[in-house]
Amino acid sequence: MLTADDLDDTWEFASDKKLTITDPGNSTDNGTWEFSSDKNYVVITDNASSLVIKLHILRLTNSEFWYDVQFGSDKAEYHLKSK
């Protein structure tokens, strides 16, 4: 679940498959991203922990990325939009 602090986070998906997630005033996480072979998921790998997360693509355009993700028995849907 998103908190008020999460609302100013930025996600940068670079064309070289690098990912930077910035939480202003707190932290910056770096990793890589790629599409799954069936193109239904964005697979993210965190550089620091090697944690792999699969984001199920619901909508993907030049300005929007909607996805859902499962953590154990919890499932959440998120909508990212470019500024």
C-alpha atoms as a PDB file:
ATOM      1  CA  MET A   1       0.000   0.000   0.000  1.00  0.00           C
ATOM      2  CA  LEU A   2       1.280   3.446  -0.883  1.00  0.00           C
ATOM      3  CA  THR A   3       2.004   5.922   1.863  1.00  0.00           C
ATOM      4  CA  ALA A   4       2.014   9.723   1.561  1.00  0.00           C
ATOM      5  CA  ASP A   5       5.826   9.512   1.345  1.00  0.00           C
ATOM      6  CA  ASP A   6       5.584   7.266  -1.744  1.00  0.00           C
ATOM      7  CA  LEU A   7       3.679   9.836  -3.793  1.00  0.00           C
ATOM      8  CA  ASP A   8       6.790  11.884  -4.674  1.00  0.00           C
ATOM      9  CA  ASP A   9       8.900   8.874  -5.708  1.00  0.00           C
ATOM     10  CA  THR A  10      10.181   8.819  -9.283  1.00  0.00           C
ATOM     11  CA  TRP A  11      10.919   5.763 -11.414  1.00  0.00           C
ATOM     12  CA  GLU A  12      13.246   6.172 -14.399  1.00  0.00           C
ATOM     13  CA  PHE A  13      13.280   3.306 -16.909  1.00  0.00           C
ATOM     14  CA  ALA A  14      16.253   4.016 -19.173  1.00  0.00           C
ATOM     15  CA  SER A  15      16.601   2.610 -22.690  1.00  0.00           C
ATOM     16  CA  ASP A  16      19.792   0.781 -21.611  1.00  0.00           C
ATOM     17  CA  LYS A  17      17.635  -1.338 -19.219  1.00  0.00           C
ATOM     18  CA  LYS A  18      18.781   0.532 -16.095  1.00  0.00           C
ATOM     19  CA  LEU A  19      16.199   1.503 -13.477  1.00  0.00           C
ATOM     20  CA  THR A  20      16.506   4.259 -10.887  1.00  0.00           C
ATOM     21  CA  ILE A  21      13.878   4.699  -8.178  1.00  0.00           C
ATOM     22  CA  THR A  22      14.298   7.913  -6.197  1.00  0.00           C
ATOM     23  CA  ASP A  23      12.541   8.674  -2.926  1.00  0.00           C
ATOM     24  CA  PRO A  24      13.423  12.372  -2.338  1.00  0.00           C
ATOM     25  CA  GLY A  25      15.091  12.938   1.014  1.00  0.00           C
ATOM     26  CA  ASN A  26      15.352   9.222   1.743  1.00  0.00           C
ATOM     27  CA  SER A  27      17.025   6.964  -0.785  1.00  0.00           C
ATOM     28  CA  THR A  28      17.802   6.013  -4.345  1.00  0.00           C
ATOM     29  CA  ASP A  29      17.600   2.409  -5.506  1.00  0.00           C
ATOM     30  CA  ASN A  30      19.253   1.177  -8.675  1.00  0.00           C
ATOM     31  CA  GLY A  31      18.587  -1.901 -10.694  1.00  0.00           C
ATOM     32  CA  THR A  32      17.816  -3.270 -14.109  1.00  0.00           C
ATOM     33  CA  TRP A  33      14.613  -3.998 -15.957  1.00  0.00           C
ATOM     34  CA  GLU A  34      13.586  -6.197 -18.863  1.00  0.00           C
ATOM     35  CA  PHE A  35      10.437  -7.572 -20.433  1.00  0.00           C
ATOM     36  CA  SER A  36       9.561 -11.201 -19.807  1.00  0.00           C
ATOM     37  CA  SER A  37       9.726 -13.430 -22.886  1.00  0.00           C
ATOM     38  CA  ASP A  38       5.921 -13.250 -23.303  1.00  0.00           C
ATOM     39  CA  LYS A  39       5.986  -9.419 -22.839  1.00  0.00           C
ATOM     40  CA  ASN A  40       3.330  -9.626 -20.098  1.00  0.00           C
ATOM     41  CA  TYR A  41       5.692  -8.608 -17.283  1.00  0.00           C
ATOM     42  CA  VAL A  42       8.425  -6.116 -16.506  1.00  0.00           C
ATOM     43  CA  VAL A  43      11.060  -7.972 -14.504  1.00  0.00           C
ATOM     44  CA  ILE A  44      13.044  -5.769 -12.115  1.00  0.00           C
ATOM     45  CA  THR A  45      16.281  -6.805 -10.410  1.00  0.00           C
ATOM     46  CA  ASP A  46      17.572  -4.694  -7.509  1.00  0.00           C
ATOM     47  CA  ASN A  47      21.343  -4.146  -7.752  1.00  0.00           C
ATOM     48  CA  ALA A  48      21.975  -4.111  -3.991  1.00  0.00           C
ATOM     49  CA  SER A  49      19.992  -7.173  -2.939  1.00  0.00           C
ATOM     50  CA  SER A  50      19.531  -9.082  -6.229  1.00  0.00           C
ATOM     51  CA  LEU A  51      15.809  -9.185  -5.372  1.00  0.00           C
ATOM     52  CA  VAL A  52      13.727  -9.940  -8.493  1.00  0.00           C
ATOM     53  CA  ILE A  53      10.181  -8.589  -8.820  1.00  0.00           C
ATOM     54  CA  LYS A  54       7.772  -9.312 -11.675  1.00  0.00           C
ATOM     55  CA  LEU A  55       5.307  -6.516 -12.448  1.00  0.00           C
ATOM     56  CA  HIS A  56       2.294  -7.712 -14.442  1.00  0.00           C
ATOM     57  CA  ILE A  57       1.629  -5.146 -17.200  1.00  0.00           C
ATOM     58  CA  LEU A  58      -1.945  -3.870 -17.316  1.00  0.00           C
ATOM     59  CA  ARG A  59      -1.314  -0.801 -19.507  1.00  0.00           C
ATOM     60  CA  LEU A  60       1.914   0.492 -21.043  1.00  0.00           C
ATOM     61  CA  THR A  61       2.192   3.653 -23.139  1.00  0.00           C
ATOM     62  CA  ASN A  62       4.802   6.388 -23.544  1.00  0.00           C
ATOM     63  CA  SER A  63       3.317   8.216 -20.562  1.00  0.00           C
ATOM     64  CA  GLU A  64       1.689   5.519 -18.399  1.00  0.00           C
ATOM     65  CA  PHE A  65       2.648   2.234 -16.799  1.00  0.00           C
ATOM     66  CA  TRP A  66      -0.112   0.410 -14.956  1.00  0.00           C
ATOM     67  CA  TYR A  67       0.781  -2.852 -13.289  1.00  0.00           C
ATOM     68  CA  ASP A  68      -0.193  -5.232 -10.569  1.00  0.00           C
ATOM     69  CA  VAL A  69       2.156  -7.185  -8.371  1.00  0.00           C
ATOM     70  CA  GLN A  70       1.716 -10.119  -6.016  1.00  0.00           C
ATOM     71  CA  PHE A  71       3.542 -10.294  -2.667  1.00  0.00           C
ATOM     72  CA  GLY A  72       2.593 -13.582  -1.035  1.00  0.00           C
ATOM     73  CA  SER A  73      -1.183 -13.538  -0.725  1.00  0.00           C
ATOM     74  CA  ASP A  74      -1.353  -9.737  -1.170  1.00  0.00           C
ATOM     75  CA  LYS A  75      -1.947  -8.229  -4.611  1.00  0.00           C
ATOM     76  CA  ALA A  76      -1.781  -4.512  -5.385  1.00  0.00           C
ATOM     77  CA  GLU A  77      -2.352  -2.394  -8.501  1.00  0.00           C
ATOM     78  CA  TYR A  78      -0.324   0.738  -9.264  1.00  0.00           C
ATOM     79  CA  HIS A  79      -0.555   3.445 -11.926  1.00  0.00           C
ATOM     80  CA  LEU A  80       2.620   5.332 -12.814  1.00  0.00           C
ATOM     81  CA  LYS A  81       2.376   8.443 -15.006  1.00  0.00           C
ATOM     82  CA  SER A  82       5.059  10.632 -16.512  1.00  0.00           C
ATOM     83  CA  LYS A  83       5.220  14.261 -15.480  1.00  0.00           C
END
